[in-house]
Amino acid sequence: MMLKTLLGSSLVALAATLSTVSAGVPGQTGALISGNEYCIFLPPKYGGDIAASEDVAIAFCNKAIATAPKAKTLPTGFIKSVHLVRNTQKGWVQITGRIDRTKYGLSKKDGGGQYDIKAPQGASYADYKYFVQLIEPDSNIYCLRVCKEKADCPTNKSTRGCTGVLGAGDYS
């Protein structure tokens, strides 16, 4: 009887673990559909540090988007501008623009950081295999590119900021 009870509780625990893993972490999928439908990753808590939150960031969208389940809603006024560019030949899409760091309590001393397919772990963008996003609270700018090919979403230049990673963009 004792073995049956232990085995039964182990199976219940395993089933619960598998259920959690298959459901995914809430807010780990973003979407970039257009300049009117998009998500970006941010620290999970108001006022969080960008770089310190690279492993735990979650998706925030400007509105509910079906392909970004369980994403939170961006604070009103956080995104000040969105400039969309599509490279249909290479299969990537990007947005660049300005943020108002105060709308999410980000510090003007925060030099920012990068989110990509490696951090936060398990993060992705609907319909794209790769992404790279930078948030620079000290400069009040952000950039995001979603890509079909890894080479179009460079993740090895994070200390260079948006312009160093994605090249020219519109940050007005």
C-alpha atoms as a PDB file:
ATOM      1  CA  MET A   1       0.000   0.000   0.000  1.00  0.00           C
ATOM      2  CA  MET A   2       2.849   2.430   0.875  1.00  0.00           C
ATOM      3  CA  LEU A   3       4.538   1.860  -2.519  1.00  0.00           C
ATOM      4  CA  LYS A   4       1.237   2.411  -4.333  1.00  0.00           C
ATOM      5  CA  THR A   5       0.692   5.703  -2.447  1.00  0.00           C
ATOM      6  CA  LEU A   6       4.237   6.915  -3.169  1.00  0.00           C
ATOM      7  CA  LEU A   7       3.988   5.944  -6.808  1.00  0.00           C
ATOM      8  CA  GLY A   8       0.581   7.615  -7.092  1.00  0.00           C
ATOM      9  CA  SER A   9       1.814  10.906  -5.596  1.00  0.00           C
ATOM     10  CA  SER A  10       4.913  10.845  -7.830  1.00  0.00           C
ATOM     11  CA  LEU A  11       2.736  10.448 -10.909  1.00  0.00           C
ATOM     12  CA  VAL A  12       0.503  13.324  -9.814  1.00  0.00           C
ATOM     13  CA  ALA A  13       3.557  15.567  -9.260  1.00  0.00           C
ATOM     14  CA  LEU A  14       5.010  14.568 -12.640  1.00  0.00           C
ATOM     15  CA  ALA A  15       1.709  15.287 -14.394  1.00  0.00           C
ATOM     16  CA  ALA A  16       1.487  18.707 -12.737  1.00  0.00           C
ATOM     17  CA  THR A  17       5.057  19.527 -13.802  1.00  0.00           C
ATOM     18  CA  LEU A  18       4.448  18.426 -17.387  1.00  0.00           C
ATOM     19  CA  SER A  19       1.250  20.459 -17.509  1.00  0.00           C
ATOM     20  CA  THR A  20       3.095  23.593 -16.372  1.00  0.00           C
ATOM     21  CA  VAL A  21       5.939  23.070 -18.860  1.00  0.00           C
ATOM     22  CA  SER A  22       3.602  22.500 -21.791  1.00  0.00           C
ATOM     23  CA  ALA A  23       1.563  25.567 -20.909  1.00  0.00           C
ATOM     24  CA  GLY A  24       4.709  27.729 -21.065  1.00  0.00           C
ATOM     25  CA  VAL A  25       5.568  30.691 -18.926  1.00  0.00           C
ATOM     26  CA  PRO A  26       2.887  33.396 -19.131  1.00  0.00           C
ATOM     27  CA  GLY A  27       3.903  36.299 -21.317  1.00  0.00           C
ATOM     28  CA  GLN A  28       6.798  34.588 -23.065  1.00  0.00           C
ATOM     29  CA  THR A  29       5.418  35.060 -26.589  1.00  0.00           C
ATOM     30  CA  GLY A  30       5.315  38.436 -28.276  1.00  0.00           C
ATOM     31  CA  ALA A  31       3.944  39.486 -31.653  1.00  0.00           C
ATOM     32  CA  LEU A  32       4.877  42.078 -34.244  1.00  0.00           C
ATOM     33  CA  ILE A  33       2.068  42.319 -36.752  1.00  0.00           C
ATOM     34  CA  SER A  34       2.074  46.000 -37.670  1.00  0.00           C
ATOM     35  CA  GLY A  35       2.766  49.462 -36.296  1.00  0.00           C
ATOM     36  CA  ASN A  36      -0.639  49.189 -34.604  1.00  0.00           C
ATOM     37  CA  GLU A  37      -0.219  45.662 -33.197  1.00  0.00           C
ATOM     38  CA  TYR A  38       3.035  44.873 -31.434  1.00  0.00           C
ATOM     39  CA  CYS A  39       4.636  43.668 -28.226  1.00  0.00           C
ATOM     40  CA  ILE A  40       7.961  44.317 -26.543  1.00  0.00           C
ATOM     41  CA  PHE A  41       9.669  42.626 -23.626  1.00  0.00           C
ATOM     42  CA  LEU A  42      10.062  44.508 -20.338  1.00  0.00           C
ATOM     43  CA  PRO A  43      10.969  43.625 -16.750  1.00  0.00           C
ATOM     44  CA  PRO A  44       8.068  41.803 -15.070  1.00  0.00           C
ATOM     45  CA  LYS A  45       7.761  44.450 -12.342  1.00  0.00           C
ATOM     46  CA  TYR A  46       7.278  48.199 -12.565  1.00  0.00           C
ATOM     47  CA  GLY A  47      10.590  50.009 -12.150  1.00  0.00           C
ATOM     48  CA  GLY A  48      12.717  46.963 -12.932  1.00  0.00           C
ATOM     49  CA  ASP A  49      16.208  47.237 -14.379  1.00  0.00           C
ATOM     50  CA  ILE A  50      16.411  46.223 -18.053  1.00  0.00           C
ATOM     51  CA  ALA A  51      19.717  44.307 -17.979  1.00  0.00           C
ATOM     52  CA  ALA A  52      19.032  42.712 -14.598  1.00  0.00           C
ATOM     53  CA  SER A  53      15.698  41.431 -15.953  1.00  0.00           C
ATOM     54  CA  GLU A  54      17.023  39.864 -19.146  1.00  0.00           C
ATOM     55  CA  ASP A  55      16.305  36.332 -17.914  1.00  0.00           C
ATOM     56  CA  VAL A  56      12.820  37.054 -16.564  1.00  0.00           C
ATOM     57  CA  ALA A  57      11.353  39.711 -18.881  1.00  0.00           C
ATOM     58  CA  ILE A  58       7.831  39.242 -20.204  1.00  0.00           C
ATOM     59  CA  ALA A  59       5.912  40.462 -23.224  1.00  0.00           C
ATOM     60  CA  PHE A  60       3.810  43.627 -23.039  1.00  0.00           C
ATOM     61  CA  CYS A  61       1.569  44.464 -26.008  1.00  0.00           C
ATOM     62  CA  ASN A  62      -0.131  47.683 -27.006  1.00  0.00           C
ATOM     63  CA  LYS A  63      -3.429  45.734 -27.086  1.00  0.00           C
ATOM     64  CA  ALA A  64      -4.606  42.154 -26.744  1.00  0.00           C
ATOM     65  CA  ILE A  65      -3.138  40.036 -29.542  1.00  0.00           C
ATOM     66  CA  ALA A  66      -4.266  36.418 -29.991  1.00  0.00           C
ATOM     67  CA  THR A  67      -0.796  35.222 -31.028  1.00  0.00           C
ATOM     68  CA  ALA A  68       0.728  36.679 -27.831  1.00  0.00           C
ATOM     69  CA  PRO A  69      -1.241  34.811 -25.168  1.00  0.00           C
ATOM     70  CA  LYS A  70      -0.985  35.992 -21.575  1.00  0.00           C
ATOM     71  CA  ALA A  71       1.082  39.061 -22.498  1.00  0.00           C
ATOM     72  CA  LYS A  72       0.464  42.109 -20.339  1.00  0.00           C
ATOM     73  CA  THR A  73      -0.701  45.460 -21.688  1.00  0.00           C
ATOM     74  CA  LEU A  74       1.838  48.240 -22.149  1.00  0.00           C
ATOM     75  CA  PRO A  75       1.339  51.192 -19.813  1.00  0.00           C
ATOM     76  CA  THR A  76      -0.485  54.078 -21.484  1.00  0.00           C
ATOM     77  CA  GLY A  77       2.031  56.515 -22.966  1.00  0.00           C
ATOM     78  CA  PHE A  78       5.052  54.222 -22.591  1.00  0.00           C
ATOM     79  CA  ILE A  79       5.538  53.926 -26.360  1.00  0.00           C
ATOM     80  CA  LYS A  80       5.760  57.453 -27.764  1.00  0.00           C
ATOM     81  CA  SER A  81       6.410  56.541 -31.428  1.00  0.00           C
ATOM     82  CA  VAL A  82       6.477  53.468 -33.655  1.00  0.00           C
ATOM     83  CA  HIS A  83       8.298  53.390 -36.992  1.00  0.00           C
ATOM     84  CA  LEU A  84       7.814  50.132 -38.878  1.00  0.00           C
ATOM     85  CA  VAL A  85      10.099  48.781 -41.614  1.00  0.00           C
ATOM     86  CA  ARG A  86       9.496  45.501 -43.491  1.00  0.00           C
ATOM     87  CA  ASN A  87      12.203  43.798 -45.508  1.00  0.00           C
ATOM     88  CA  THR A  88      10.097  41.365 -47.508  1.00  0.00           C
ATOM     89  CA  GLN A  89      13.099  40.069 -49.434  1.00  0.00           C
ATOM     90  CA  LYS A  90      14.930  38.976 -46.280  1.00  0.00           C
ATOM     91  CA  GLY A  91      11.807  38.260 -44.227  1.00  0.00           C
ATOM     92  CA  TRP A  92      12.322  40.565 -41.277  1.00  0.00           C
ATOM     93  CA  VAL A  93      10.213  43.307 -39.703  1.00  0.00           C
ATOM     94  CA  GLN A  94      11.348  45.936 -37.226  1.00  0.00           C
ATOM     95  CA  ILE A  95       9.992  48.770 -35.162  1.00  0.00           C
ATOM     96  CA  THR A  96      12.004  51.608 -33.669  1.00  0.00           C
ATOM     97  CA  GLY A  97      10.998  54.670 -31.741  1.00  0.00           C
ATOM     98  CA  ARG A  98      10.810  56.571 -28.511  1.00  0.00           C
ATOM     99  CA  ILE A  99       9.591  55.566 -25.078  1.00  0.00           C
ATOM    100  CA  ASP A 100       8.654  57.490 -21.956  1.00  0.00           C
ATOM    101  CA  ARG A 101      10.584  55.572 -19.295  1.00  0.00           C
ATOM    102  CA  THR A 102       8.568  57.241 -16.503  1.00  0.00           C
ATOM    103  CA  LYS A 103       5.379  55.413 -17.548  1.00  0.00           C
ATOM    104  CA  TYR A 104       6.935  52.138 -16.319  1.00  0.00           C
ATOM    105  CA  GLY A 105       9.186  53.593 -13.630  1.00  0.00           C
ATOM    106  CA  LEU A 106      12.441  52.911 -15.473  1.00  0.00           C
ATOM    107  CA  SER A 107      15.486  54.794 -14.238  1.00  0.00           C
ATOM    108  CA  LYS A 108      17.118  57.529 -16.334  1.00  0.00           C
ATOM    109  CA  LYS A 109      20.416  55.956 -15.189  1.00  0.00           C
ATOM    110  CA  ASP A 110      19.486  52.579 -16.747  1.00  0.00           C
ATOM    111  CA  GLY A 111      21.656  52.146 -19.852  1.00  0.00           C
ATOM    112  CA  GLY A 112      19.363  49.367 -21.008  1.00  0.00           C
ATOM    113  CA  GLY A 113      19.864  45.894 -22.306  1.00  0.00           C
ATOM    114  CA  GLN A 114      18.934  43.354 -24.890  1.00  0.00           C
ATOM    115  CA  TYR A 115      16.274  40.682 -25.044  1.00  0.00           C
ATOM    116  CA  ASP A 116      16.540  37.950 -27.666  1.00  0.00           C
ATOM    117  CA  ILE A 117      16.005  34.244 -28.299  1.00  0.00           C
ATOM    118  CA  LYS A 118      18.464  33.410 -25.492  1.00  0.00           C
ATOM    119  CA  ALA A 119      17.121  35.694 -22.767  1.00  0.00           C
ATOM    120  CA  PRO A 120      14.523  35.567 -21.454  1.00  0.00           C
ATOM    121  CA  GLN A 121      14.768  31.815 -21.807  1.00  0.00           C
ATOM    122  CA  GLY A 122      11.839  30.444 -23.793  1.00  0.00           C
ATOM    123  CA  ALA A 123      10.848  33.829 -25.239  1.00  0.00           C
ATOM    124  CA  SER A 124       9.707  34.021 -28.844  1.00  0.00           C
ATOM    125  CA  TYR A 125       7.776  36.079 -31.354  1.00  0.00           C
ATOM    126  CA  ALA A 126       4.797  34.581 -33.167  1.00  0.00           C
ATOM    127  CA  ASP A 127       5.604  33.537 -36.753  1.00  0.00           C
ATOM    128  CA  TYR A 128       9.336  34.296 -36.424  1.00  0.00           C
ATOM    129  CA  LYS A 129      12.206  32.072 -35.374  1.00  0.00           C
ATOM    130  CA  TYR A 130      14.496  34.879 -34.146  1.00  0.00           C
ATOM    131  CA  PHE A 131      14.243  38.293 -32.540  1.00  0.00           C
ATOM    132  CA  VAL A 132      16.438  40.963 -31.019  1.00  0.00           C
ATOM    133  CA  GLN A 133      15.139  43.868 -28.939  1.00  0.00           C
ATOM    134  CA  LEU A 134      16.869  46.627 -27.041  1.00  0.00           C
ATOM    135  CA  ILE A 135      15.397  49.091 -24.554  1.00  0.00           C
ATOM    136  CA  GLU A 136      17.505  52.122 -23.612  1.00  0.00           C
ATOM    137  CA  PRO A 137      15.760  54.015 -20.782  1.00  0.00           C
ATOM    138  CA  ASP A 138      18.603  56.541 -20.443  1.00  0.00           C
ATOM    139  CA  SER A 139      18.023  57.603 -24.083  1.00  0.00           C
ATOM    140  CA  ASN A 140      14.250  56.927 -24.119  1.00  0.00           C
ATOM    141  CA  ILE A 141      14.523  54.724 -27.221  1.00  0.00           C
ATOM    142  CA  TYR A 142      13.741  51.124 -28.163  1.00  0.00           C
ATOM    143  CA  CYS A 143      14.184  48.851 -31.156  1.00  0.00           C
ATOM    144  CA  LEU A 144      12.885  45.422 -32.107  1.00  0.00           C
ATOM    145  CA  ARG A 145      13.503  43.194 -35.106  1.00  0.00           C
ATOM    146  CA  VAL A 146      11.858  39.825 -35.742  1.00  0.00           C
ATOM    147  CA  CYS A 147      13.504  37.566 -38.319  1.00  0.00           C
ATOM    148  CA  LYS A 148      13.173  34.350 -40.270  1.00  0.00           C
ATOM    149  CA  GLU A 149      16.989  33.980 -40.466  1.00  0.00           C
ATOM    150  CA  LYS A 150      19.412  34.205 -37.529  1.00  0.00           C
ATOM    151  CA  ALA A 151      21.892  36.408 -39.451  1.00  0.00           C
ATOM    152  CA  ASP A 152      19.273  39.175 -39.744  1.00  0.00           C
ATOM    153  CA  CYS A 153      18.817  39.381 -35.958  1.00  0.00           C
ATOM    154  CA  PRO A 154      22.334  39.880 -34.557  1.00  0.00           C
ATOM    155  CA  THR A 155      22.480  39.097 -30.851  1.00  0.00           C
ATOM    156  CA  ASN A 156      26.208  39.579 -30.310  1.00  0.00           C
ATOM    157  CA  LYS A 157      26.365  43.389 -30.280  1.00  0.00           C
ATOM    158  CA  SER A 158      24.162  44.334 -27.327  1.00  0.00           C
ATOM    159  CA  THR A 159      26.581  46.867 -25.874  1.00  0.00           C
ATOM    160  CA  ARG A 160      26.370  48.911 -29.085  1.00  0.00           C
ATOM    161  CA  GLY A 161      22.741  49.908 -28.533  1.00  0.00           C
ATOM    162  CA  CYS A 162      19.938  50.079 -31.061  1.00  0.00           C
ATOM    163  CA  THR A 163      21.880  51.815 -33.829  1.00  0.00           C
ATOM    164  CA  GLY A 164      24.846  49.454 -33.430  1.00  0.00           C
ATOM    165  CA  VAL A 165      22.682  46.344 -33.542  1.00  0.00           C
ATOM    166  CA  LEU A 166      20.038  47.229 -36.144  1.00  0.00           C
ATOM    167  CA  GLY A 167      21.715  50.083 -37.955  1.00  0.00           C
ATOM    168  CA  ALA A 168      19.859  53.244 -38.792  1.00  0.00           C
ATOM    169  CA  GLY A 169      16.325  53.528 -37.570  1.00  0.00           C
ATOM    170  CA  ASP A 170      13.838  56.281 -36.920  1.00  0.00           C
ATOM    171  CA  TYR A 171      13.989  57.296 -33.267  1.00  0.00           C
ATOM    172  CA  SER A 172      11.911  60.446 -33.571  1.00  0.00           C
END
